[in-house]
């Protein structure tokens, strides 16, 4: 609930890459599409995962600056006593097992979610394939700032695996992300609403939750409405406004978001709620170990907002940003050690990136050998 400008840029580039992939498969029975070789060559260079690495003085500086920001925030919090790194070295075996189990379950459920979305539109993929692609997305979004986002990486990989559904895949990634955010904000809003009965200072923040929730729901409804308004085969509009609107509706319609039935959207939202409940459970057990003094409900209120702030792309994976947010949020709901609690939870939440790293390296080695 992530970079919108950069994500849109790379999504467009990914489409160029996908055209090149279709052309590549011409000899294997897949119908090729016409493409400009020069344009495809540029798209291939920028859309590949290797493009996440910086090139040029400006990008190199930005790349390291984001790491400096994240590390500096962590160092400052340790120096000011807000972050206790010793907690990381005293994790008991039961907590380790429970945290890893929770992480494995909600990561795999995330893979099943995107699998269900893809298959509902006739795009065939496997559960393990979706799991590996999700892990690769976590790797890129968490540890490689200044490059492409995790969603763009997933879209790239799916476009290579299913080259004849380029825009539909992009639409599936958008739907997966937005509905995940909808469920997380909704759960946070419900928890905050319950707490507001007895805790007066939380009541003003209900407007914040409600505004985000309404904006997300409105965004999905708008995409559904605009996509459904497009009619294929319409004549070319003459007026500038009509031409612009026609292009917008054609682009939105090509994402095929309006074609998803309500049962699919409902199932995805419910599954996302289960995933976020498991994430809150992970943050909660880490908070208990960090002696935060909060019960599950208060952690439940703080977590959605903290994760939203953590998504601000100022450091790799929001390192330091999320810790500061949780420190403030825990203080607001009557707790302590929010930064320590989230840093410990972060270690587990981003552990699937190791699987993603193994997959990316294996993929690179395999392509090199070919």
Protein backbone atom coordinates (compact mmCIF):
# COMPACT_ATOMS: atom_id res chain seq x y z
CA UNK A 1 0.00 0.00 0.00
CA UNK A 2 5.54 2.78 -4.34
CA UNK A 3 7.46 5.44 -6.66
CA UNK A 4 4.33 5.96 -8.77
CA UNK A 5 6.19 8.04 -11.32
CA UNK A 6 9.08 5.63 -11.65
CA UNK A 7 6.79 2.61 -11.60
CA UNK A 8 4.72 4.00 -14.48
CA UNK A 9 7.89 4.71 -16.43
CA UNK A 10 9.13 1.19 -16.04
CA UNK A 11 5.74 -0.32 -16.71
CA UNK A 12 5.81 1.35 -20.12
CA UNK A 13 9.33 0.06 -20.70
CA UNK A 14 8.19 -3.41 -19.69
CA UNK A 15 5.63 -3.37 -22.46
CA UNK A 16 8.40 -2.70 -24.97
CA UNK A 17 10.34 -5.58 -23.51
CA UNK A 18 7.35 -7.83 -23.78
CA UNK A 19 7.03 -7.06 -27.49
CA UNK A 20 10.60 -8.15 -28.00
CA UNK A 21 9.90 -11.36 -26.10
CA UNK A 22 6.95 -12.15 -28.34
CA UNK A 23 9.11 -11.63 -31.41
CA UNK A 24 11.79 -13.88 -29.91
CA UNK A 25 9.30 -16.73 -29.54
CA UNK A 26 8.27 -16.53 -33.17
CA UNK A 27 10.01 -19.78 -33.95
CA UNK A 28 8.41 -21.67 -31.06
CA UNK A 29 4.82 -21.47 -32.18
CA UNK A 30 3.84 -18.23 -30.51
CA UNK A 31 2.51 -15.57 -32.82
CA UNK A 32 4.92 -12.69 -33.10
CA UNK A 33 4.05 -9.04 -33.16
CA UNK A 34 5.68 -6.36 -35.21
CA UNK A 35 8.11 -4.21 -33.29
CA UNK A 36 10.71 -1.59 -33.88
CA UNK A 37 14.15 -3.25 -33.29
CA UNK A 38 15.75 -0.04 -32.03
CA UNK A 39 12.92 0.67 -29.65
CA UNK A 40 12.91 -2.95 -28.40
CA UNK A 41 16.67 -2.95 -27.89
CA UNK A 42 16.39 0.15 -25.68
CA UNK A 43 13.44 -1.37 -23.84
CA UNK A 44 15.31 -4.63 -23.21
CA UNK A 45 18.25 -2.83 -21.67
CA UNK A 46 16.08 -0.75 -19.34
CA UNK A 47 13.44 -3.36 -18.47
CA UNK A 48 15.74 -6.19 -17.42
CA UNK A 49 16.39 -6.68 -13.69
CA UNK A 50 20.00 -5.69 -14.24
CA UNK A 51 18.71 -2.22 -15.05
CA UNK A 52 17.97 -1.79 -11.34
CA UNK A 53 21.67 -1.23 -10.83
CA UNK A 54 22.74 2.39 -11.15
CA UNK A 55 24.62 3.70 -14.15
CA UNK A 56 26.01 7.18 -14.55
CA UNK A 57 27.27 9.49 -11.87
CA UNK A 58 23.83 10.77 -10.92
CA UNK A 59 22.32 7.34 -10.42
CA UNK A 60 25.37 6.08 -8.55
CA UNK A 61 25.12 9.03 -6.19
CA UNK A 62 21.39 8.51 -5.67
CA UNK A 63 21.93 4.77 -5.16
CA UNK A 64 24.40 5.26 -2.33
CA UNK A 65 22.60 8.29 -0.92
CA UNK A 66 19.54 6.19 -0.18
CA UNK A 67 21.67 3.66 1.66
CA UNK A 68 23.29 6.49 3.59
CA UNK A 69 19.87 7.83 4.56
CA UNK A 70 18.68 4.46 5.83
CA UNK A 71 21.87 3.63 7.72
CA UNK A 72 22.11 7.15 9.15
CA UNK A 73 18.56 6.89 10.50
CA UNK A 74 19.33 3.56 12.13
CA UNK A 75 22.59 4.88 13.64
CA UNK A 76 20.83 7.97 14.96
CA UNK A 77 18.10 5.89 16.58
CA UNK A 78 20.68 3.62 18.22
CA UNK A 79 22.69 6.63 19.44
CA UNK A 80 19.56 8.30 20.83
CA UNK A 81 18.48 5.14 22.64
CA UNK A 82 15.34 4.60 20.55
CA UNK A 83 16.64 1.40 18.96
CA UNK A 84 18.13 -1.57 20.79
CA UNK A 85 20.09 -3.77 18.40
CA UNK A 86 20.90 -6.27 21.16
CA UNK A 87 17.37 -7.64 20.80
CA UNK A 88 18.34 -9.09 17.42
CA UNK A 89 20.94 -11.29 19.09
CA UNK A 90 18.64 -12.63 21.80
CA UNK A 91 15.83 -14.13 19.73
CA UNK A 92 14.68 -17.35 21.43
CA UNK A 93 14.17 -20.51 19.37
CA UNK A 94 10.34 -20.54 19.75
CA UNK A 95 10.07 -16.96 18.48
CA UNK A 96 12.40 -17.77 15.59
CA UNK A 97 10.30 -20.76 14.55
CA UNK A 98 6.99 -18.95 14.92
CA UNK A 99 8.21 -15.89 13.01
CA UNK A 100 9.65 -17.94 10.15
CA UNK A 101 6.47 -20.00 9.95
CA UNK A 102 4.28 -16.89 9.78
CA UNK A 103 6.54 -15.37 7.11
CA UNK A 104 6.45 -18.53 5.01
CA UNK A 105 2.67 -18.75 5.24
CA UNK A 106 1.83 -15.15 4.32
CA UNK A 107 4.45 -15.12 1.54
CA UNK A 108 2.96 -18.25 0.02
CA UNK A 109 -0.57 -16.88 0.42
CA UNK A 110 0.59 -13.81 -1.50
CA UNK A 111 1.73 -16.12 -4.29
CA UNK A 112 -1.64 -17.88 -4.32
CA UNK A 113 -3.36 -14.49 -4.50
CA UNK A 114 -1.62 -13.42 -7.69
CA UNK A 115 -2.04 -16.95 -9.07
CA UNK A 116 -5.79 -16.74 -8.54
CA UNK A 117 -5.93 -13.32 -10.22
CA UNK A 118 -3.99 -14.53 -13.25
CA UNK A 119 -5.94 -17.74 -13.68
CA UNK A 120 -9.26 -15.93 -13.38
CA UNK A 121 -8.32 -14.20 -16.66
CA UNK A 122 -7.11 -17.37 -18.36
CA UNK A 123 -3.39 -16.80 -17.78
CA UNK A 124 -1.70 -20.02 -16.74
CA UNK A 125 1.00 -20.02 -14.07
CA UNK A 126 2.14 -22.24 -11.22
CA UNK A 127 2.04 -21.68 -7.47
CA UNK A 128 5.80 -22.22 -7.07
CA UNK A 129 6.46 -19.94 -10.03
CA UNK A 130 4.39 -17.16 -8.42
CA UNK A 131 6.17 -17.74 -5.10
CA UNK A 132 9.61 -17.34 -6.70
CA UNK A 133 8.53 -14.23 -8.63
CA UNK A 134 7.14 -12.68 -5.44
CA UNK A 135 10.42 -13.40 -3.61
CA UNK A 136 12.34 -11.78 -6.47
CA UNK A 137 10.06 -8.76 -6.17
CA UNK A 138 10.80 -8.52 -2.45
CA UNK A 139 14.51 -8.64 -3.21
CA UNK A 140 14.40 -5.75 -5.67
CA UNK A 141 11.97 -3.57 -3.72
CA UNK A 142 13.78 -4.05 -0.40
CA UNK A 143 17.46 -3.90 -1.26
CA UNK A 144 17.88 -2.13 -4.59
CA UNK A 145 16.71 1.50 -4.31
CA UNK A 146 16.73 3.77 -7.31
CA UNK A 147 15.84 0.91 -9.64
CA UNK A 148 12.61 -0.76 -10.62
CA UNK A 149 10.04 -1.68 -8.02
CA UNK A 150 9.18 -5.18 -6.91
CA UNK A 151 5.88 -5.06 -8.81
CA UNK A 152 7.67 -4.11 -12.03
CA UNK A 153 10.08 -7.03 -11.55
CA UNK A 154 7.18 -9.41 -11.07
CA UNK A 155 5.47 -8.01 -14.17
CA UNK A 156 8.69 -8.46 -16.17
CA UNK A 157 9.04 -12.08 -15.10
CA UNK A 158 5.41 -12.91 -15.81
CA UNK A 159 5.60 -11.20 -19.20
CA UNK A 160 8.53 -13.42 -20.11
CA UNK A 161 6.65 -16.51 -18.96
CA UNK A 162 3.31 -15.47 -20.55
CA UNK A 163 4.31 -13.20 -23.46
CA UNK A 164 0.86 -12.98 -25.07
CA UNK A 165 -0.84 -11.23 -22.12
CA UNK A 166 1.35 -8.17 -21.57
CA UNK A 167 -1.17 -5.53 -20.51
CA UNK A 168 -3.40 -8.04 -18.73
CA UNK A 169 -0.42 -9.01 -16.56
CA UNK A 170 0.21 -5.34 -15.80
CA UNK A 171 -3.43 -5.00 -14.80
CA UNK A 172 -3.14 -8.06 -12.55
CA UNK A 173 -0.15 -6.51 -10.76
CA UNK A 174 -2.05 -3.26 -10.23
CA UNK A 175 -5.09 -5.12 -8.90
CA UNK A 176 -2.99 -7.28 -6.62
CA UNK A 177 -1.28 -4.24 -5.10
CA UNK A 178 -4.35 -2.02 -4.76
CA UNK A 179 -6.61 -4.69 -3.24
CA UNK A 180 -3.85 -5.61 -0.82
CA UNK A 181 -3.71 -1.99 0.29
CA UNK A 182 -7.50 -1.81 0.55
CA UNK A 183 -7.61 -4.78 2.91
CA UNK A 184 -4.76 -3.47 5.07
CA UNK A 185 -6.25 0.01 5.45
CA UNK A 186 -9.70 -1.43 6.13
CA UNK A 187 -8.41 -3.65 8.93
CA UNK A 188 -6.52 -0.71 10.43
CA UNK A 189 -9.63 1.44 10.21
CA UNK A 190 -11.78 -1.17 11.97
CA UNK A 191 -9.23 -1.60 14.75
CA UNK A 192 -8.85 2.17 15.19
CA UNK A 193 -12.63 2.57 15.23
CA UNK A 194 -12.89 0.04 18.05
CA UNK A 195 -10.09 1.66 20.03
CA UNK A 196 -11.54 5.13 19.54
CA UNK A 197 -14.42 4.17 21.83
CA UNK A 198 -12.09 4.33 24.84
CA UNK A 199 -9.04 6.24 23.55
CA UNK A 200 -10.00 9.80 22.63
CA UNK A 201 -6.78 10.92 20.91
CA UNK A 202 -7.16 8.22 18.25
CA UNK A 203 -10.48 9.63 16.99
CA UNK A 204 -8.97 12.36 14.75
CA UNK A 205 -6.91 9.71 12.94
CA UNK A 206 -10.07 7.92 11.86
CA UNK A 207 -10.44 10.59 9.17
CA UNK A 208 -6.97 9.66 7.87
CA UNK A 209 -7.87 5.97 7.61
CA UNK A 210 -11.23 6.74 6.03
CA UNK A 211 -9.68 9.08 3.44
CA UNK A 212 -7.12 6.49 2.32
CA UNK A 213 -9.73 3.74 2.19
CA UNK A 214 -12.15 5.84 0.14
CA UNK A 215 -9.35 6.91 -2.23
CA UNK A 216 -8.32 3.29 -2.87
CA UNK A 217 -11.88 2.09 -3.39
CA UNK A 218 -12.52 5.08 -5.64
CA UNK A 219 -9.42 4.27 -7.68
CA UNK A 220 -10.54 0.68 -8.31
CA UNK A 221 -14.06 1.86 -9.16
CA UNK A 222 -12.68 4.48 -11.55
CA UNK A 223 -10.51 1.94 -13.37
CA UNK A 224 -13.48 -0.41 -13.59
CA UNK A 225 -15.77 2.34 -14.91
CA UNK A 226 -13.30 3.79 -17.43
CA UNK A 227 -12.30 0.36 -18.73
CA UNK A 228 -15.90 -0.66 -19.14
CA UNK A 229 -16.73 2.50 -21.10
CA UNK A 230 -14.26 1.71 -23.89
CA UNK A 231 -15.67 0.17 -27.04
CA UNK A 232 -13.30 -1.60 -29.39
CA UNK A 233 -13.60 -0.69 -33.04
CA UNK A 234 -14.92 2.81 -32.45
CA UNK A 235 -14.14 5.41 -35.09
CA UNK A 236 -11.25 7.81 -34.61
CA UNK A 237 -12.31 10.90 -32.69
CA UNK A 238 -11.59 14.26 -34.28
CA UNK A 239 -11.57 16.60 -31.28
CA UNK A 240 -8.46 16.71 -29.11
CA UNK A 241 -10.36 16.00 -25.88
CA UNK A 242 -12.16 13.06 -27.47
CA UNK A 243 -8.90 11.63 -28.82
CA UNK A 244 -7.24 11.96 -25.41
CA UNK A 245 -10.19 10.34 -23.65
CA UNK A 246 -10.23 7.55 -26.23
CA UNK A 247 -6.56 6.83 -25.59
CA UNK A 248 -7.09 6.78 -21.82
CA UNK A 249 -10.06 4.42 -22.04
CA UNK A 250 -8.20 2.17 -24.48
CA UNK A 251 -5.18 1.97 -22.19
CA UNK A 252 -7.27 1.31 -19.07
CA UNK A 253 -9.44 -1.22 -20.90
CA UNK A 254 -6.34 -3.11 -22.03
CA UNK A 255 -5.51 -3.74 -18.36
CA UNK A 256 -8.76 -5.76 -18.24
CA UNK A 257 -9.45 -4.76 -14.63
CA UNK A 258 -13.12 -4.17 -15.49
CA UNK A 259 -13.41 -7.81 -16.59
CA UNK A 260 -12.77 -9.23 -13.11
CA UNK A 261 -16.08 -10.42 -11.60
CA UNK A 262 -17.08 -9.31 -8.12
CA UNK A 263 -16.48 -12.77 -6.68
CA UNK A 264 -12.81 -12.58 -7.69
CA UNK A 265 -12.38 -9.13 -6.18
CA UNK A 266 -14.12 -10.22 -2.98
CA UNK A 267 -11.99 -13.34 -2.64
CA UNK A 268 -8.77 -11.40 -3.22
CA UNK A 269 -9.72 -8.81 -0.58
CA UNK A 270 -10.60 -11.52 1.97
CA UNK A 271 -7.38 -13.39 1.26
CA UNK A 272 -5.44 -10.14 1.63
CA UNK A 273 -7.04 -9.59 5.02
CA UNK A 274 -5.80 -12.99 6.15
CA UNK A 275 -2.31 -12.11 4.92
CA UNK A 276 -2.28 -8.80 6.79
CA UNK A 277 -3.58 -10.44 9.96
CA UNK A 278 -0.59 -12.78 9.79
CA UNK A 279 1.75 -9.80 9.25
CA UNK A 280 0.25 -8.09 12.30
CA UNK A 281 0.74 -11.32 14.26
CA UNK A 282 4.41 -11.30 13.26
CA UNK A 283 4.84 -7.68 14.34
CA UNK A 284 3.01 -8.49 17.58
CA UNK A 285 5.24 -11.39 18.65
CA UNK A 286 8.28 -9.27 17.83
CA UNK A 287 6.77 -6.47 19.91
CA UNK A 288 6.26 -8.84 22.85
CA UNK A 289 9.90 -9.89 22.64
CA UNK A 290 10.93 -6.22 22.51
CA UNK A 291 8.85 -5.43 25.64
CA UNK A 292 6.67 -2.86 23.87
CA UNK A 293 3.88 -3.15 26.42
CA UNK A 294 1.17 -3.28 23.74
CA UNK A 295 -1.63 -5.76 23.31
CA UNK A 296 -2.60 -7.23 19.94
CA UNK A 297 -5.28 -4.63 19.23
CA UNK A 298 -2.95 -1.67 19.66
CA UNK A 299 -0.33 -3.29 17.45
CA UNK A 300 -3.16 -3.92 15.01
CA UNK A 301 -3.90 -0.18 14.87
CA UNK A 302 -0.29 0.90 14.47
CA UNK A 303 0.87 -1.64 11.87
CA UNK A 304 -1.09 -0.51 8.75
CA UNK A 305 0.01 3.12 9.14
CA UNK A 306 3.58 2.08 9.88
CA UNK A 307 3.74 -0.10 6.78
CA UNK A 308 2.34 2.72 4.63
CA UNK A 309 5.05 5.07 5.87
CA UNK A 310 7.66 2.33 5.38
CA UNK A 311 6.77 2.29 1.68
CA UNK A 312 8.14 5.84 1.20
CA UNK A 313 11.10 5.29 -1.20
CA UNK A 314 13.72 7.33 0.64
CA UNK A 315 15.86 4.36 1.68
CA UNK A 316 16.22 0.70 0.68
CA UNK A 317 13.03 -1.05 1.74
CA UNK A 318 12.14 1.92 3.96
CA UNK A 319 15.03 1.13 6.30
CA UNK A 320 15.03 3.68 9.12
CA UNK A 321 11.81 5.26 7.81
CA UNK A 322 9.62 2.44 9.07
CA UNK A 323 11.45 2.22 12.38
CA UNK A 324 10.88 5.92 13.08
CA UNK A 325 7.22 5.57 12.12
CA UNK A 326 6.65 2.62 14.44
CA UNK A 327 8.48 4.36 17.28
CA UNK A 328 6.10 7.31 16.99
CA UNK A 329 3.00 5.18 16.50
CA UNK A 330 3.75 2.92 19.46
CA UNK A 331 4.23 5.99 21.63
CA UNK A 332 0.87 7.36 20.46
CA UNK A 333 -0.97 4.17 21.46
CA UNK A 334 0.76 3.94 24.82
CA UNK A 335 3.68 1.63 24.06
CA UNK A 336 7.46 1.71 23.78
CA UNK A 337 10.26 0.21 21.66
CA UNK A 338 8.36 0.56 18.40
CA UNK A 339 11.56 0.92 16.37
CA UNK A 340 13.12 -2.20 17.90
CA UNK A 341 9.91 -4.18 17.39
CA UNK A 342 9.65 -3.31 13.72
CA UNK A 343 13.34 -3.80 12.98
CA UNK A 344 13.07 -7.34 14.33
CA UNK A 345 9.89 -7.94 12.32
CA UNK A 346 11.60 -6.49 9.23
CA UNK A 347 14.30 -9.16 9.39
CA UNK A 348 11.65 -11.86 9.05
CA UNK A 349 9.40 -9.99 6.62
CA UNK A 350 12.24 -9.53 4.17
CA UNK A 351 13.80 -12.97 4.63
CA UNK A 352 12.03 -14.28 1.45
CA UNK A 353 14.43 -11.99 -0.42
CA UNK A 354 17.07 -14.68 0.16
CA UNK A 355 14.95 -17.09 -1.87
CA UNK A 356 14.55 -14.36 -4.49
CA UNK A 357 18.31 -13.84 -4.58
CA UNK A 358 18.91 -17.56 -5.11
CA UNK A 359 16.35 -17.59 -7.92
CA UNK A 360 17.77 -14.48 -9.64
CA UNK A 361 21.33 -15.84 -9.45
CA UNK A 362 20.25 -19.22 -10.79
CA UNK A 363 18.36 -17.53 -13.58
CA UNK A 364 21.39 -15.40 -14.46
CA UNK A 365 23.72 -18.41 -14.47
CA UNK A 366 21.31 -20.40 -16.63
CA UNK A 367 20.98 -17.62 -19.18
CA UNK A 368 24.75 -17.17 -19.26
CA UNK A 369 25.29 -20.84 -19.97
CA UNK A 370 22.75 -20.71 -22.79
